[in-house]
Protein backbone atom coordinates (compact mmCIF):
# COMPACT_ATOMS: atom_id res chain seq x y z
CA MET A 1 98.40 86.95 208.64
CA GLU A 2 95.77 88.03 210.96
CA GLU A 3 93.78 89.47 208.09
CA GLN A 4 93.78 86.09 206.27
CA LYS A 5 92.65 84.34 209.28
CA GLU A 6 89.82 86.77 209.69
CA ASN A 7 88.74 86.21 206.09
CA LYS A 8 88.76 82.41 206.44
CA ARG A 9 86.70 82.73 209.68
CA GLY A 10 84.26 84.99 207.73
CA MET A 11 83.79 82.62 204.76
CA ARG A 12 83.39 79.70 207.15
CA ALA A 13 80.73 81.51 208.94
CA ILE A 14 79.01 82.41 205.69
CA PHE A 15 79.19 78.72 204.63
CA GLN A 16 77.76 77.61 207.93
CA LYS A 17 75.03 80.11 207.70
CA ASN A 18 74.03 79.19 204.11
CA ARG A 19 74.93 75.52 204.16
CA LYS A 20 71.45 74.25 203.32
CA ALA A 21 71.08 76.51 200.45
CA ILE A 22 74.39 75.57 199.04
CA MET A 23 73.69 71.79 199.36
CA VAL A 24 70.35 72.32 197.54
CA ALA A 25 72.09 74.14 194.68
CA ILE A 26 74.60 71.40 194.29
CA MET A 27 71.97 68.73 194.34
CA ALA A 28 70.05 70.71 191.72
CA ILE A 29 73.01 70.95 189.36
CA ALA A 30 73.79 67.20 189.83
CA ALA A 31 70.10 66.35 189.10
CA ILE A 32 70.32 68.50 185.81
CA ILE A 33 73.55 66.80 184.75
CA ILE A 34 72.09 63.28 185.53
CA PHE A 35 68.81 64.23 183.65
CA TYR A 36 70.84 65.36 180.70
CA ALA A 37 73.03 62.31 180.64
CA GLY A 38 70.01 60.11 180.98
CA ALA A 39 68.13 61.79 178.17
CA ASN A 40 71.13 61.49 175.89
CA PHE A 41 71.62 57.87 176.85
CA LEU A 42 67.99 56.99 176.03
CA LYS A 43 68.36 58.75 172.66
CA GLY A 44 71.54 56.80 172.02
CA ALA A 45 73.74 59.91 171.72
CA GLU A 46 77.01 60.70 173.39
CA MET A 47 76.97 62.99 176.39
CA PHE A 48 79.46 65.54 175.16
CA GLY A 49 78.62 65.99 171.48
CA GLY A 50 80.74 64.76 168.65
CA ASN A 51 77.75 63.05 166.98
CA ARG A 52 76.82 63.14 163.41
CA LYS A 53 73.11 62.65 162.78
CA LEU A 54 72.01 60.61 159.68
CA TYR A 55 68.58 59.51 158.72
CA ALA A 56 67.31 56.18 157.63
CA ILE A 57 63.85 55.68 155.94
CA PHE A 58 62.22 52.18 156.22
CA ASP A 59 58.95 50.90 154.90
CA ASP A 60 58.67 48.53 157.80
CA ALA A 61 60.49 49.39 161.04
CA ALA A 62 59.95 45.87 162.40
CA GLY A 63 59.66 47.23 165.88
CA LEU A 64 62.84 49.16 165.83
CA PRO A 65 63.47 50.65 169.36
CA GLN A 66 65.49 53.57 170.37
CA GLY A 67 69.10 52.57 171.25
CA THR A 68 69.36 50.00 168.54
CA PRO A 69 73.06 49.64 167.82
CA VAL A 70 74.60 50.62 164.58
CA MET A 71 77.37 48.40 163.43
CA TYR A 72 80.16 48.50 160.77
CA ASN A 73 82.11 45.26 160.23
CA GLY A 74 81.25 44.12 163.64
CA PHE A 75 82.15 47.29 165.37
CA LYS A 76 79.57 49.58 167.05
CA ILE A 77 79.61 52.93 165.58
CA GLY A 78 76.48 54.58 166.81
CA LYS A 79 72.84 54.13 167.95
CA VAL A 80 69.33 54.96 166.99
CA MET A 81 68.37 58.20 168.58
CA THR A 82 64.66 58.45 167.58
CA VAL A 83 62.17 56.63 165.58
CA SER A 84 59.11 58.29 164.12
CA LEU A 85 56.61 58.36 161.22
CA THR A 86 57.69 60.45 158.20
CA SER A 87 55.84 63.58 157.42
CA ASP A 88 55.44 63.08 153.73
CA SER A 89 54.39 59.44 154.12
CA PRO A 90 52.82 58.13 157.39
CA ALA A 91 53.25 54.60 156.08
CA ARG A 92 57.06 54.88 156.35
CA VAL A 93 59.28 55.14 159.28
CA CYS A 94 62.23 57.62 159.83
CA ALA A 95 65.07 56.58 162.17
CA ALA A 96 67.50 59.23 163.42
CA ILE A 97 70.93 57.63 163.79
CA ALA A 98 73.88 59.15 165.84
CA ILE A 99 77.24 58.18 164.41
CA ASN A 100 79.87 58.44 167.14
CA GLU A 101 82.90 57.40 165.23
CA ASP A 102 84.83 59.95 163.04
CA MET A 103 84.80 58.00 159.78
CA ASP A 104 84.15 58.88 156.06
CA ILE A 105 80.87 57.75 154.78
CA PRO A 106 80.28 58.01 151.09
CA LYS A 107 77.00 59.45 149.80
CA ASP A 108 75.87 56.17 148.24
CA SER A 109 76.28 54.11 151.44
CA HIS A 110 73.20 52.47 152.89
CA PHE A 111 71.73 51.01 156.20
CA GLU A 112 70.40 47.41 156.58
CA LEU A 113 67.96 46.66 159.37
CA SER A 114 68.15 42.93 160.32
CA THR A 115 67.86 40.51 163.31
CA LYS A 116 70.98 39.90 165.24
CA ASP A 117 69.87 36.72 167.06
CA MET A 118 67.14 33.99 167.09
CA LEU A 119 65.34 35.93 169.84
CA GLY A 120 64.56 38.85 167.45
CA GLY A 121 66.99 41.39 168.63
CA LEU A 122 67.38 44.21 166.02
CA VAL A 123 70.70 45.80 164.64
CA ILE A 124 71.39 48.19 161.87
CA HIS A 125 74.51 47.58 159.72
CA LEU A 126 76.13 50.41 157.82
CA ARG A 127 77.39 49.34 154.33
CA LEU A 128 79.74 51.78 152.73
CA GLY A 129 79.46 52.80 149.11
CA GLU A 130 82.05 53.86 146.65
CA ALA A 131 81.07 57.52 145.92
CA LYS A 132 83.78 60.16 146.28
CA GLN A 133 81.11 62.59 147.75
CA LEU A 134 80.75 62.10 151.46
CA ALA A 135 77.53 62.16 153.40
CA LYS A 136 76.99 65.28 155.52
CA ASN A 137 75.38 65.81 158.96
CA LYS A 138 71.52 65.20 158.71
CA ASP A 139 71.81 63.46 155.28
CA THR A 140 69.34 60.67 154.52
CA LEU A 141 70.91 57.39 153.32
CA GLN A 142 69.20 54.42 151.44
CA SER A 143 67.86 51.90 153.89
CA PHE A 144 66.74 48.28 153.45
CA LEU A 145 64.93 45.78 155.63
CA ILE A 146 66.61 42.36 155.52
CA PRO A 147 63.95 39.61 156.12
CA ALA A 148 64.60 37.76 159.31
CA PHE A 149 65.44 33.97 159.35
CA THR A 150 62.45 33.36 161.65
CA ASP A 151 59.87 35.04 159.47
CA GLY A 152 58.98 31.83 157.86
CA LEU A 153 59.06 29.67 160.99
CA GLY A 154 55.48 30.13 161.56
CA ASP A 155 54.35 27.97 158.71
CA VAL A 156 56.95 25.48 159.40
CA MET A 157 55.86 25.23 163.07
CA VAL A 158 52.28 24.65 161.88
CA GLN A 159 53.48 21.91 159.65
CA LEU A 160 55.62 20.38 162.31
CA SER A 161 52.57 20.37 164.72
CA SER A 162 50.54 18.53 162.11
CA ILE A 163 53.34 16.05 161.65
CA MET A 164 53.68 15.50 165.40
CA SER A 165 49.94 14.99 165.63
CA SER A 166 50.23 12.17 162.99
CA VAL A 167 53.34 10.77 164.71
CA ASP A 168 51.31 10.59 168.06
CA SER A 169 48.40 8.83 166.39
CA ILE A 170 50.71 6.28 164.76
CA ALA A 171 52.56 5.70 168.14
CA LEU A 172 49.14 5.10 169.88
CA GLU A 173 48.14 2.58 167.13
CA LEU A 174 51.45 0.80 167.46
CA LYS A 175 51.14 0.72 171.25
CA GLY A 176 47.67 -0.87 170.81
CA ILE A 177 48.97 -3.39 168.39
CA VAL A 178 51.93 -4.32 170.56
CA SER A 179 49.74 -4.61 173.77
CA SER A 180 47.42 -7.07 172.09
CA LYS A 181 48.17 -10.81 171.92
CA GLU A 182 47.60 -11.08 168.25
CA GLY A 183 49.87 -8.10 167.68
CA SER A 184 52.57 -9.57 169.87
CA SER A 185 52.39 -12.79 167.97
CA SER A 186 52.59 -11.06 164.68
CA LEU A 187 55.63 -8.91 165.71
CA LYS A 188 57.33 -12.01 166.99
CA ILE A 189 56.86 -13.71 163.60
CA ILE A 190 58.05 -10.68 161.74
CA PHE A 191 61.20 -10.54 163.83
CA GLU A 192 61.91 -14.20 163.39
CA ASN A 193 61.47 -13.83 159.62
CA LEU A 194 63.84 -10.90 159.73
CA GLU A 195 66.30 -12.99 161.60
CA ASN A 196 66.03 -15.90 159.25
CA SER A 197 66.33 -13.60 156.19
CA THR A 198 69.43 -12.00 157.77
CA THR A 199 70.98 -15.38 158.41
CA GLU A 200 70.37 -16.57 154.80
CA LEU A 201 71.71 -13.36 153.42
CA ASN A 202 74.94 -13.74 155.41
CA GLN A 203 75.23 -17.44 154.21
CA LEU A 204 74.62 -16.27 150.51
CA MET A 205 77.37 -13.54 150.93
CA SER A 206 79.79 -16.09 152.45
CA GLN A 207 79.20 -18.63 149.60
CA ASN A 208 79.52 -16.12 146.83
CA ARG A 209 82.14 -13.89 148.26
CA ALA A 210 84.58 -14.74 145.52
CA LYS A 211 81.85 -14.07 142.76
CA PHE A 212 81.05 -10.81 144.28
CA GLY A 213 84.76 -9.93 144.38
CA HIS A 214 84.96 -10.78 140.76
CA ILE A 215 81.94 -8.71 139.95
CA VAL A 216 83.47 -5.81 141.75
CA ASP A 217 86.74 -6.20 139.86
CA ASN A 218 84.83 -6.19 136.66
CA LEU A 219 83.08 -3.05 137.62
CA ASN A 220 86.33 -1.36 138.62
CA GLN A 221 87.79 -2.34 135.22
CA LEU A 222 84.74 -1.09 133.48
CA THR A 223 85.02 2.16 135.22
CA THR A 224 88.70 2.42 134.40
CA THR A 225 87.95 1.70 130.73
CA LEU A 226 85.25 4.28 130.60
CA ASN A 227 87.56 6.92 132.13
CA GLU A 228 90.16 6.03 129.54
CA GLU A 229 87.59 6.29 126.65
CA THR A 230 85.98 9.58 128.01
CA PRO A 231 87.47 11.60 125.08
CA GLN A 232 86.08 9.31 122.55
CA LEU A 233 82.77 9.13 124.20
CA GLN A 234 82.68 12.92 124.22
CA SER A 235 83.50 13.04 120.69
CA ILE A 236 80.65 10.65 119.99
CA ILE A 237 78.30 12.85 122.01
CA ASP A 238 79.39 15.86 120.21
CA ASN A 239 78.73 14.18 116.87
CA PHE A 240 75.19 13.27 117.94
CA ASP A 241 74.63 16.85 119.04
CA GLN A 242 75.87 17.99 115.70
CA ILE A 243 73.54 15.47 113.87
CA SER A 244 70.70 16.63 116.05
CA ASP A 245 71.38 20.22 115.26
CA ASP A 246 71.46 19.51 111.55
CA ILE A 247 68.14 17.59 111.78
CA ALA A 248 66.60 20.27 113.79
CA LYS A 249 67.78 22.90 111.25
CA ALA A 250 66.50 20.83 108.34
CA ASP A 251 62.78 21.16 107.08
CA LEU A 252 61.81 17.74 108.05
CA ALA A 253 58.19 18.36 107.23
CA LYS A 254 59.12 19.21 103.62
CA VAL A 255 61.37 16.12 103.27
CA ILE A 256 58.59 13.88 104.67
CA LEU A 257 55.98 15.37 102.44
CA GLU A 258 58.24 14.93 99.30
CA ALA A 259 59.06 11.24 100.47
CA ASN A 260 55.32 10.51 100.72
CA GLN A 261 54.58 12.02 97.27
CA THR A 262 57.40 9.98 95.76
CA ILE A 263 56.02 6.73 97.41
CA GLU A 264 52.53 7.49 96.21
CA GLN A 265 53.73 7.93 92.60
CA LEU A 266 55.77 4.71 92.69
CA SER A 267 52.70 2.87 94.07
CA LEU A 268 50.57 4.33 91.24
CA ILE A 269 53.20 3.00 88.67
CA VAL A 270 53.24 -0.49 90.19
CA GLU A 271 49.43 -0.47 90.16
CA LYS A 272 49.33 0.35 86.36
CA ILE A 273 51.93 -2.31 85.73
CA GLN A 274 49.90 -4.95 87.63
CA LYS A 275 46.75 -3.86 85.61
CA GLY A 276 48.64 -4.32 82.32
CA GLU A 277 48.72 -0.58 81.37
CA GLY A 278 51.50 0.75 79.26
CA ASP A 279 54.41 -1.19 77.56
CA ILE A 280 55.90 -2.42 80.79
CA GLY A 281 52.52 -3.58 82.05
CA LYS A 282 51.82 -5.47 78.80
CA LEU A 283 55.19 -6.99 78.91
CA VAL A 284 54.80 -8.17 82.37
CA ASN A 285 51.16 -9.34 82.13
CA ASN A 286 51.00 -10.75 78.49
CA GLU A 287 52.89 -14.09 78.48
CA GLU A 288 52.62 -14.54 74.62
CA LEU A 289 54.14 -11.07 74.03
CA TYR A 290 56.94 -11.99 76.37
CA ASN A 291 57.59 -15.22 74.73
CA ASN A 292 57.63 -13.59 71.26
CA LEU A 293 59.94 -10.96 72.46
CA ALA A 294 62.25 -13.48 74.00
CA LEU A 295 62.19 -15.64 70.82
CA THR A 296 62.99 -12.57 68.67
CA THR A 297 65.82 -11.63 70.87
CA GLU A 298 67.22 -15.18 70.79
CA ASN A 299 67.08 -15.23 66.92
CA LEU A 300 68.62 -11.87 66.74
CA ASN A 301 71.49 -13.03 68.88
CA LYS A 302 71.97 -16.14 66.67
CA LEU A 303 72.01 -13.92 63.53
CA LEU A 304 74.70 -11.60 65.08
CA ILE A 305 76.88 -14.54 65.92
CA ASP A 306 76.52 -16.02 62.40
CA ILE A 307 77.36 -12.61 60.79
CA LYS A 308 80.44 -12.36 63.11
CA GLU A 309 81.63 -15.88 62.20
CA ASN A 310 80.67 -15.76 58.37
CA PRO A 311 80.66 -12.16 57.30
CA ASP A 312 81.15 -13.21 53.68
CA ARG A 313 77.54 -14.56 53.46
CA TYR A 314 76.13 -11.19 54.12
CA ILE A 315 78.76 -8.69 53.09
CA HIS A 316 80.28 -8.55 49.57
CA VAL A 317 83.26 -6.23 49.11
CA SER A 318 85.28 -5.92 45.87
CA VAL A 319 88.43 -3.76 45.58
CA PHE A 320 88.53 -3.86 41.77
CA GLY A 321 84.94 -3.78 40.95
CA LYS A 322 82.43 -6.34 39.77
CA LYS A 323 83.35 -8.58 36.74
CA LYS A 324 81.12 -8.60 33.84
CA LYS A 325 79.89 -11.95 32.53
């Protein structure tokens, strides 16, 4: 017991003697730990490992800072550790991403860089692919920049500014008109006319309420009829479509050309008839020839009638032969 007490007294004496040195050592160790934790925090990495590092290559980083969150289905799974230019192409940006969650990431997955709010805050979304092969540590995934909603607001704001200037000018002109006596009188007349028109319109509606109701009923009936006849109307439309298709398929130019040629030939024939050329032309234009032909036809009809009524005058038939005189 005495020996243990002596050992404790000795250690206490040593601690008292080297107290300052021990405190300095403890503070140095604490500073190293704090520095290490701070550096990892700024890089977006976890303090005690467990990270997988993946790379994303962007043509435009859009001001991507370190520590930008990486989300999957609304859940934070990592951060951006570093952002730097690629060695093979200085125009492209490489972002090193630390994935803290233990999750399977297919090889064909990709990152999407987009804004998360109207203030321009950035976020990277992980979109999982369907490949069976999984991404390994330090693999590079496809990456895309999603245009921000506010990218096109600059032009819109310029147009709005121009519109507001025009509105201000119109407001000033209206103010000048209203403040003048002539303008006040004109506005008063306008409002009085509007009031009178409104009153007359109300009277017209009241007097013809029954007629308007009848018109509405007719419109409802017409709508009902159209709804009932929709299949037939559709059939008619289909028939018109079929006719249009047939006409479109037909060689209309050829048909029209043939029709024109036929009309020209017919016109030529009519012209020759009018000039008295040919038998038909002579018959149409020579009155004497027409009269003779009509008279001959009439006599021929009379002869045929007489032959029919008195065949013995013209036809002699003997069964036993002719008698000798």
